[in-house]
Amino acid sequence: ELLNRLQRELGMAVLLITHDLGVVAETADRVAV
């Protein structure tokens, strides 16, 4: 939630590396498998 909030406030792009598909569904715009 902190990363999402800071991204909105600062306008930065985020490259998120994760195993958690639940996190992907909630936070990502695009996905590279």
PDB file of all heavy atoms in Angstrom:
ATOM      1  N   GLU A   1       0.833  -1.200   0.000  1.00  0.00           N
ATOM      2  CA  GLU A   1       0.000   0.000   0.000  1.00  0.00           C
ATOM      3  C   GLU A   1       0.870   1.253   0.000  1.00  0.00           C
ATOM      4  O   GLU A   1       0.562   2.244  -0.667  1.00  0.00           O
ATOM      5  CB  GLU A   1      -0.927  -0.010   1.219  1.00  0.00           C
ATOM      6  CG  GLU A   1      -1.750   1.267   1.380  1.00  0.00           C
ATOM      7  CD  GLU A   1      -2.562   1.630   0.150  1.00  0.00           C
ATOM      8  OE1 GLU A   1      -3.031   0.710  -0.556  1.00  0.00           O
ATOM      9  OE2 GLU A   1      -2.713   2.839  -0.121  1.00  0.00           O
ATOM     10  N   LEU A   2       1.973   1.196   0.741  1.00  0.00           N
ATOM     11  CA  LEU A   2       2.910   2.321   0.760  1.00  0.00           C
ATOM     12  C   LEU A   2       3.465   2.581  -0.635  1.00  0.00           C
ATOM     13  O   LEU A   2       3.516   3.736  -1.101  1.00  0.00           O
ATOM     14  CB  LEU A   2       4.050   2.033   1.745  1.00  0.00           C
ATOM     15  CG  LEU A   2       5.220   3.014   1.735  1.00  0.00           C
ATOM     16  CD1 LEU A   2       4.758   4.396   2.179  1.00  0.00           C
ATOM     17  CD2 LEU A   2       6.340   2.508   2.636  1.00  0.00           C
ATOM     18  N   LEU A   3       3.895   1.536  -1.339  1.00  0.00           N
ATOM     19  CA  LEU A   3       4.445   1.688  -2.688  1.00  0.00           C
ATOM     20  C   LEU A   3       3.397   2.270  -3.638  1.00  0.00           C
ATOM     21  O   LEU A   3       3.701   3.145  -4.460  1.00  0.00           O
ATOM     22  CB  LEU A   3       4.962   0.345  -3.210  1.00  0.00           C
ATOM     23  CG  LEU A   3       6.249  -0.176  -2.575  1.00  0.00           C
ATOM     24  CD1 LEU A   3       6.579  -1.561  -3.105  1.00  0.00           C
ATOM     25  CD2 LEU A   3       7.411   0.776  -2.851  1.00  0.00           C
ATOM     26  N   ASN A   4       2.156   1.784  -3.515  1.00  0.00           N
ATOM     27  CA  ASN A   4       1.088   2.307  -4.371  1.00  0.00           C
ATOM     28  C   ASN A   4       0.847   3.795  -4.105  1.00  0.00           C
ATOM     29  O   ASN A   4       0.682   4.587  -5.036  1.00  0.00           O
ATOM     30  CB  ASN A   4      -0.212   1.522  -4.133  1.00  0.00           C
ATOM     31  CG  ASN A   4      -0.157   0.127  -4.727  1.00  0.00           C
ATOM     32  OD1 ASN A   4       0.628  -0.135  -5.632  1.00  0.00           O
ATOM     33  ND2 ASN A   4      -0.984  -0.773  -4.220  1.00  0.00           N
ATOM     34  N   ARG A   5       0.839   4.169  -2.840  1.00  0.00           N
ATOM     35  CA  ARG A   5       0.597   5.565  -2.483  1.00  0.00           C
ATOM     36  C   ARG A   5       1.730   6.463  -2.980  1.00  0.00           C
ATOM     37  O   ARG A   5       1.487   7.533  -3.562  1.00  0.00           O
ATOM     38  CB  ARG A   5       0.438   5.700  -0.971  1.00  0.00           C
ATOM     39  CG  ARG A   5       0.244   7.149  -0.505  1.00  0.00           C
ATOM     40  CD  ARG A   5      -0.061   7.222   0.974  1.00  0.00           C
ATOM     41  NE  ARG A   5       1.019   6.733   1.811  1.00  0.00           N
ATOM     42  CZ  ARG A   5       2.105   7.440   2.142  1.00  0.00           C
ATOM     43  NH1 ARG A   5       2.263   8.676   1.658  1.00  0.00           N
ATOM     44  NH2 ARG A   5       3.020   6.937   2.936  1.00  0.00           N
ATOM     45  N   LEU A   6       2.961   6.024  -2.767  1.00  0.00           N
ATOM     46  CA  LEU A   6       4.107   6.820  -3.196  1.00  0.00           C
ATOM     47  C   LEU A   6       4.170   6.933  -4.717  1.00  0.00           C
ATOM     48  O   LEU A   6       4.561   7.967  -5.259  1.00  0.00           O
ATOM     49  CB  LEU A   6       5.398   6.211  -2.649  1.00  0.00           C
ATOM     50  CG  LEU A   6       5.561   6.265  -1.125  1.00  0.00           C
ATOM     51  CD1 LEU A   6       6.824   5.548  -0.697  1.00  0.00           C
ATOM     52  CD2 LEU A   6       5.572   7.708  -0.633  1.00  0.00           C
ATOM     53  N   GLN A   7       3.781   5.866  -5.399  1.00  0.00           N
ATOM     54  CA  GLN A   7       3.761   5.932  -6.857  1.00  0.00           C
ATOM     55  C   GLN A   7       2.768   6.991  -7.338  1.00  0.00           C
ATOM     56  O   GLN A   7       3.061   7.761  -8.254  1.00  0.00           O
ATOM     57  CB  GLN A   7       3.390   4.566  -7.454  1.00  0.00           C
ATOM     58  CG  GLN A   7       3.382   4.565  -8.981  1.00  0.00           C
ATOM     59  CD  GLN A   7       3.007   3.221  -9.558  1.00  0.00           C
ATOM     60  OE1 GLN A   7       2.398   2.393  -8.886  1.00  0.00           O
ATOM     61  NE2 GLN A   7       3.368   2.979 -10.793  1.00  0.00           N
ATOM     62  N   ARG A   8       1.598   7.028  -6.697  1.00  0.00           N
ATOM     63  CA  ARG A   8       0.597   8.036  -7.077  1.00  0.00           C
ATOM     64  C   ARG A   8       1.104   9.438  -6.773  1.00  0.00           C
ATOM     65  O   ARG A   8       0.926  10.361  -7.568  1.00  0.00           O
ATOM     66  CB  ARG A   8      -0.721   7.780  -6.334  1.00  0.00           C
ATOM     67  CG  ARG A   8      -1.450   6.528  -6.758  1.00  0.00           C
ATOM     68  CD  ARG A   8      -2.868   6.510  -6.197  1.00  0.00           C
ATOM     69  NE  ARG A   8      -2.904   6.569  -4.739  1.00  0.00           N
ATOM     70  CZ  ARG A   8      -2.902   5.491  -3.951  1.00  0.00           C
ATOM     71  NH1 ARG A   8      -2.851   4.280  -4.489  1.00  0.00           N
ATOM     72  NH2 ARG A   8      -2.958   5.638  -2.635  1.00  0.00           N
ATOM     73  N   GLU A   9       1.741   9.616  -5.629  1.00  0.00           N
ATOM     74  CA  GLU A   9       2.187  10.947  -5.221  1.00  0.00           C
ATOM     75  C   GLU A   9       3.371  11.443  -6.041  1.00  0.00           C
ATOM     76  O   GLU A   9       3.465  12.633  -6.361  1.00  0.00           O
ATOM     77  CB  GLU A   9       2.564  10.929  -3.732  1.00  0.00           C
ATOM     78  CG  GLU A   9       1.376  10.739  -2.800  1.00  0.00           C
ATOM     79  CD  GLU A   9       1.791  10.666  -1.341  1.00  0.00           C
ATOM     80  OE1 GLU A   9       3.000  10.804  -1.065  1.00  0.00           O
ATOM     81  OE2 GLU A   9       0.913  10.472  -0.478  1.00  0.00           O
ATOM     82  N   LEU A  10       4.284  10.532  -6.387  1.00  0.00           N
ATOM     83  CA  LEU A  10       5.521  10.933  -7.055  1.00  0.00           C
ATOM     84  C   LEU A  10       5.463  10.749  -8.571  1.00  0.00           C
ATOM     85  O   LEU A  10       6.334  11.245  -9.289  1.00  0.00           O
ATOM     86  CB  LEU A  10       6.706  10.139  -6.482  1.00  0.00           C
ATOM     87  CG  LEU A  10       6.913  10.251  -4.962  1.00  0.00           C
ATOM     88  CD1 LEU A  10       8.071   9.361  -4.522  1.00  0.00           C
ATOM     89  CD2 LEU A  10       7.157  11.693  -4.558  1.00  0.00           C
ATOM     90  N   GLY A  11       4.479   9.992  -9.071  1.00  0.00           N
ATOM     91  CA  GLY A  11       4.325   9.798 -10.507  1.00  0.00           C
ATOM     92  C   GLY A  11       5.378   8.923 -11.148  1.00  0.00           C
ATOM     93  O   GLY A  11       5.608   9.006 -12.359  1.00  0.00           O
ATOM     94  N   MET A  12       6.022   8.070 -10.369  1.00  0.00           N
ATOM     95  CA  MET A  12       7.091   7.229 -10.922  1.00  0.00           C
ATOM     96  C   MET A  12       6.518   5.933 -11.503  1.00  0.00           C
ATOM     97  O   MET A  12       5.399   5.521 -11.206  1.00  0.00           O
ATOM     98  CB  MET A  12       8.096   6.879  -9.820  1.00  0.00           C
ATOM     99  CG  MET A  12       7.503   6.054  -8.714  1.00  0.00           C
ATOM    100  SD  MET A  12       8.642   5.789  -7.357  1.00  0.00           S
ATOM    101  CE  MET A  12       7.565   4.922  -6.204  1.00  0.00           C
ATOM    102  N   ALA A  13       7.309   5.297 -12.370  1.00  0.00           N
ATOM    103  CA  ALA A  13       6.987   3.969 -12.872  1.00  0.00           C
ATOM    104  C   ALA A  13       7.567   2.935 -11.909  1.00  0.00           C
ATOM    105  O   ALA A  13       8.580   3.185 -11.247  1.00  0.00           O
ATOM    106  CB  ALA A  13       7.578   3.775 -14.268  1.00  0.00           C
ATOM    107  N   VAL A  14       6.911   1.778 -11.816  1.00  0.00           N
ATOM    108  CA  VAL A  14       7.374   0.712 -10.933  1.00  0.00           C
ATOM    109  C   VAL A  14       7.533  -0.572 -11.723  1.00  0.00           C
ATOM    110  O   VAL A  14       6.612  -0.997 -12.444  1.00  0.00           O
ATOM    111  CB  VAL A  14       6.395   0.479  -9.758  1.00  0.00           C
ATOM    112  CG1 VAL A  14       6.830  -0.723  -8.928  1.00  0.00           C
ATOM    113  CG2 VAL A  14       6.313   1.717  -8.877  1.00  0.00           C
ATOM    114  N   LEU A  15       8.715  -1.186 -11.610  1.00  0.00           N
ATOM    115  CA  LEU A  15       8.968  -2.511 -12.156  1.00  0.00           C
ATOM    116  C   LEU A  15       8.961  -3.466 -10.972  1.00  0.00           C
ATOM    117  O   LEU A  15       9.888  -3.479 -10.160  1.00  0.00           O
ATOM    118  CB  LEU A  15      10.317  -2.543 -12.879  1.00  0.00           C
ATOM    119  CG  LEU A  15      10.752  -3.881 -13.490  1.00  0.00           C
ATOM    120  CD1 LEU A  15       9.746  -4.336 -14.538  1.00  0.00           C
ATOM    121  CD2 LEU A  15      12.139  -3.769 -14.107  1.00  0.00           C
ATOM    122  N   LEU A  16       7.883  -4.244 -10.828  1.00  0.00           N
ATOM    123  CA  LEU A  16       7.666  -5.090  -9.658  1.00  0.00           C
ATOM    124  C   LEU A  16       7.984  -6.536  -9.998  1.00  0.00           C
ATOM    125  O   LEU A  16       7.334  -7.140 -10.854  1.00  0.00           O
ATOM    126  CB  LEU A  16       6.222  -4.963  -9.180  1.00  0.00           C
ATOM    127  CG  LEU A  16       5.793  -5.848  -8.014  1.00  0.00           C
ATOM    128  CD1 LEU A  16       6.560  -5.476  -6.748  1.00  0.00           C
ATOM    129  CD2 LEU A  16       4.289  -5.744  -7.784  1.00  0.00           C
ATOM    130  N   ILE A  17       8.981  -7.095  -9.318  1.00  0.00           N
ATOM    131  CA  ILE A  17       9.348  -8.497  -9.494  1.00  0.00           C
ATOM    132  C   ILE A  17       8.735  -9.273  -8.335  1.00  0.00           C
ATOM    133  O   ILE A  17       8.982  -8.955  -7.173  1.00  0.00           O
ATOM    134  CB  ILE A  17      10.873  -8.671  -9.502  1.00  0.00           C
ATOM    135  CG1 ILE A  17      11.487  -7.853 -10.636  1.00  0.00           C
ATOM    136  CG2 ILE A  17      11.264 -10.136  -9.631  1.00  0.00           C
ATOM    137  CD1 ILE A  17      13.001  -7.753 -10.575  1.00  0.00           C
ATOM    138  N   THR A  18       7.925 -10.277  -8.645  1.00  0.00           N
ATOM    139  CA  THR A  18       7.210 -10.973  -7.579  1.00  0.00           C
ATOM    140  C   THR A  18       6.832 -12.384  -7.993  1.00  0.00           C
ATOM    141  O   THR A  18       6.775 -12.707  -9.176  1.00  0.00           O
ATOM    142  CB  THR A  18       5.942 -10.184  -7.186  1.00  0.00           C
ATOM    143  OG1 THR A  18       5.281 -10.840  -6.112  1.00  0.00           O
ATOM    144  CG2 THR A  18       4.981 -10.062  -8.360  1.00  0.00           C
ATOM    145  N   HIS A  19       6.579 -13.229  -6.965  1.00  0.00           N
ATOM    146  CA  HIS A  19       5.995 -14.551  -7.187  1.00  0.00           C
ATOM    147  C   HIS A  19       4.489 -14.531  -6.931  1.00  0.00           C
ATOM    148  O   HIS A  19       3.792 -15.485  -7.269  1.00  0.00           O
ATOM    149  CB  HIS A  19       6.612 -15.575  -6.218  1.00  0.00           C
ATOM    150  CG  HIS A  19       8.030 -15.933  -6.523  1.00  0.00           C
ATOM    151  ND1 HIS A  19       9.097 -15.259  -5.971  1.00  0.00           N
ATOM    152  CD2 HIS A  19       8.554 -16.895  -7.308  1.00  0.00           C
ATOM    153  CE1 HIS A  19      10.217 -15.810  -6.401  1.00  0.00           C
ATOM    154  NE2 HIS A  19       9.920 -16.798  -7.214  1.00  0.00           N
ATOM    155  N   ASP A  20       4.012 -13.475  -6.304  1.00  0.00           N
ATOM    156  CA  ASP A  20       2.653 -13.435  -5.784  1.00  0.00           C
ATOM    157  C   ASP A  20       1.682 -12.894  -6.830  1.00  0.00           C
ATOM    158  O   ASP A  20       1.637 -11.697  -7.089  1.00  0.00           O
ATOM    159  CB  ASP A  20       2.632 -12.557  -4.526  1.00  0.00           C
ATOM    160  CG  ASP A  20       1.329 -12.677  -3.747  1.00  0.00           C
ATOM    161  OD1 ASP A  20       0.294 -12.970  -4.366  1.00  0.00           O
ATOM    162  OD2 ASP A  20       1.366 -12.470  -2.517  1.00  0.00           O
ATOM    163  N   LEU A  21       0.875 -13.783  -7.412  1.00  0.00           N
ATOM    164  CA  LEU A  21      -0.059 -13.355  -8.450  1.00  0.00           C
ATOM    165  C   LEU A  21      -1.195 -12.519  -7.874  1.00  0.00           C
ATOM    166  O   LEU A  21      -1.811 -11.739  -8.593  1.00  0.00           O
ATOM    167  CB  LEU A  21      -0.615 -14.584  -9.186  1.00  0.00           C
ATOM    168  CG  LEU A  21       0.407 -15.352 -10.026  1.00  0.00           C
ATOM    169  CD1 LEU A  21      -0.221 -16.604 -10.622  1.00  0.00           C
ATOM    170  CD2 LEU A  21       0.972 -14.481 -11.126  1.00  0.00           C
ATOM    171  N   GLY A  22      -1.484 -12.671  -6.590  1.00  0.00           N
ATOM    172  CA  GLY A  22      -2.472 -11.811  -5.953  1.00  0.00           C
ATOM    173  C   GLY A  22      -2.016 -10.369  -5.945  1.00  0.00           C
ATOM    174  O   GLY A  22      -2.802  -9.450  -6.204  1.00  0.00           O
ATOM    175  N   VAL A  23      -0.733 -10.149  -5.664  1.00  0.00           N
ATOM    176  CA  VAL A  23      -0.158  -8.805  -5.700  1.00  0.00           C
ATOM    177  C   VAL A  23      -0.225  -8.247  -7.120  1.00  0.00           C
ATOM    178  O   VAL A  23      -0.549  -7.073  -7.330  1.00  0.00           O
ATOM    179  CB  VAL A  23       1.294  -8.832  -5.196  1.00  0.00           C
ATOM    180  CG1 VAL A  23       1.989  -7.498  -5.450  1.00  0.00           C
ATOM    181  CG2 VAL A  23       1.334  -9.182  -3.716  1.00  0.00           C
ATOM    182  N   VAL A  24       0.061  -9.095  -8.102  1.00  0.00           N
ATOM    183  CA  VAL A  24       0.007  -8.669  -9.503  1.00  0.00           C
ATOM    184  C   VAL A  24      -1.395  -8.189  -9.861  1.00  0.00           C
ATOM    185  O   VAL A  24      -1.572  -7.130 -10.471  1.00  0.00           O
ATOM    186  CB  VAL A  24       0.425  -9.829 -10.427  1.00  0.00           C
ATOM    187  CG1 VAL A  24       0.198  -9.463 -11.892  1.00  0.00           C
ATOM    188  CG2 VAL A  24       1.881 -10.197 -10.197  1.00  0.00           C
ATOM    189  N   ALA A  25      -2.411  -8.962  -9.473  1.00  0.00           N
ATOM    190  CA  ALA A  25      -3.794  -8.616  -9.812  1.00  0.00           C
ATOM    191  C   ALA A  25      -4.202  -7.280  -9.210  1.00  0.00           C
ATOM    192  O   ALA A  25      -4.964  -6.524  -9.816  1.00  0.00           O
ATOM    193  CB  ALA A  25      -4.734  -9.722  -9.331  1.00  0.00           C
ATOM    194  N   GLU A  26      -3.682  -6.965  -8.025  1.00  0.00           N
ATOM    195  CA  GLU A  26      -4.083  -5.751  -7.325  1.00  0.00           C
ATOM    196  C   GLU A  26      -3.306  -4.510  -7.759  1.00  0.00           C
ATOM    197  O   GLU A  26      -3.840  -3.401  -7.678  1.00  0.00           O
ATOM    198  CB  GLU A  26      -3.903  -5.939  -5.819  1.00  0.00           C
ATOM    199  CG  GLU A  26      -4.882  -6.921  -5.193  1.00  0.00           C
ATOM    200  CD  GLU A  26      -4.714  -7.000  -3.690  1.00  0.00           C
ATOM    201  OE1 GLU A  26      -4.018  -6.126  -3.132  1.00  0.00           O
ATOM    202  OE2 GLU A  26      -5.264  -7.926  -3.090  1.00  0.00           O
ATOM    203  N   THR A  27      -2.054  -4.682  -8.190  1.00  0.00           N
ATOM    204  CA  THR A  27      -1.197  -3.506  -8.365  1.00  0.00           C
ATOM    205  C   THR A  27      -0.724  -3.248  -9.792  1.00  0.00           C
ATOM    206  O   THR A  27      -0.380  -2.109 -10.112  1.00  0.00           O
ATOM    207  CB  THR A  27       0.061  -3.632  -7.479  1.00  0.00           C
ATOM    208  OG1 THR A  27       0.831  -4.769  -7.897  1.00  0.00           O
ATOM    209  CG2 THR A  27      -0.315  -3.808  -6.009  1.00  0.00           C
ATOM    210  N   ALA A  28      -0.670  -4.262 -10.649  1.00  0.00           N
ATOM    211  CA  ALA A  28      -0.004  -4.107 -11.944  1.00  0.00           C
ATOM    212  C   ALA A  28      -0.930  -3.582 -13.034  1.00  0.00           C
ATOM    213  O   ALA A  28      -2.144  -3.776 -12.996  1.00  0.00           O
ATOM    214  CB  ALA A  28       0.604  -5.436 -12.383  1.00  0.00           C
ATOM    215  N   ASP A  29      -0.329  -2.904 -14.013  1.00  0.00           N
ATOM    216  CA  ASP A  29      -1.027  -2.506 -15.237  1.00  0.00           C
ATOM    217  C   ASP A  29      -0.774  -3.510 -16.355  1.00  0.00           C
ATOM    218  O   ASP A  29      -1.673  -3.846 -17.115  1.00  0.00           O
ATOM    219  CB  ASP A  29      -0.562  -1.110 -15.692  1.00  0.00           C
ATOM    220  CG  ASP A  29      -0.869  -0.042 -14.663  1.00  0.00           C
ATOM    221  OD1 ASP A  29      -2.063   0.137 -14.343  1.00  0.00           O
ATOM    222  OD2 ASP A  29       0.078   0.594 -14.162  1.00  0.00           O
ATOM    223  N   ARG A  30       0.493  -3.969 -16.430  1.00  0.00           N
ATOM    224  CA  ARG A  30       0.871  -4.982 -17.418  1.00  0.00           C
ATOM    225  C   ARG A  30       1.712  -6.055 -16.738  1.00  0.00           C
ATOM    226  O   ARG A  30       2.269  -5.826 -15.659  1.00  0.00           O
ATOM    227  CB  ARG A  30       1.658  -4.354 -18.582  1.00  0.00           C
ATOM    228  CG  ARG A  30       0.810  -3.407 -19.427  1.00  0.00           C
ATOM    229  CD  ARG A  30       1.590  -2.834 -20.606  1.00  0.00           C
ATOM    230  NE  ARG A  30       2.021  -3.853 -21.547  1.00  0.00           N
ATOM    231  CZ  ARG A  30       1.223  -4.416 -22.449  1.00  0.00           C
ATOM    232  NH1 ARG A  30      -0.044  -4.076 -22.535  1.00  0.00           N
ATOM    233  NH2 ARG A  30       1.680  -5.314 -23.286  1.00  0.00           N
ATOM    234  N   VAL A  31       1.795  -7.219 -17.394  1.00  0.00           N
ATOM    235  CA  VAL A  31       2.493  -8.364 -16.816  1.00  0.00           C
ATOM    236  C   VAL A  31       3.434  -8.966 -17.851  1.00  0.00           C
ATOM    237  O   VAL A  31       3.059  -9.141 -19.021  1.00  0.00           O
ATOM    238  CB  VAL A  31       1.495  -9.454 -16.358  1.00  0.00           C
ATOM    239  CG1 VAL A  31       2.244 -10.629 -15.725  1.00  0.00           C
ATOM    240  CG2 VAL A  31       0.482  -8.894 -15.386  1.00  0.00           C
ATOM    241  N   ALA A  32       4.658  -9.263 -17.418  1.00  0.00           N
ATOM    242  CA  ALA A  32       5.604 -10.032 -18.233  1.00  0.00           C
ATOM    243  C   ALA A  32       5.884 -11.338 -17.490  1.00  0.00           C
ATOM    244  O   ALA A  32       6.390 -11.305 -16.368  1.00  0.00           O
ATOM    245  CB  ALA A  32       6.892  -9.248 -18.458  1.00  0.00           C
ATOM    246  N   VAL A  33       5.520 -12.454 -18.090  1.00  0.00           N
ATOM    247  CA  VAL A  33       5.727 -13.766 -17.479  1.00  0.00           C
ATOM    248  C   VAL A  33       7.028 -14.341 -18.031  1.00  0.00           C
ATOM    249  O   VAL A  33       7.164 -14.513 -19.249  1.00  0.00           O
ATOM    250  CB  VAL A  33       4.553 -14.719 -17.775  1.00  0.00           C
ATOM    251  CG1 VAL A  33       4.783 -16.080 -17.099  1.00  0.00           C
ATOM    252  CG2 VAL A  33       3.237 -14.109 -17.304  1.00  0.00           C
TER     253      VAL A  33
END
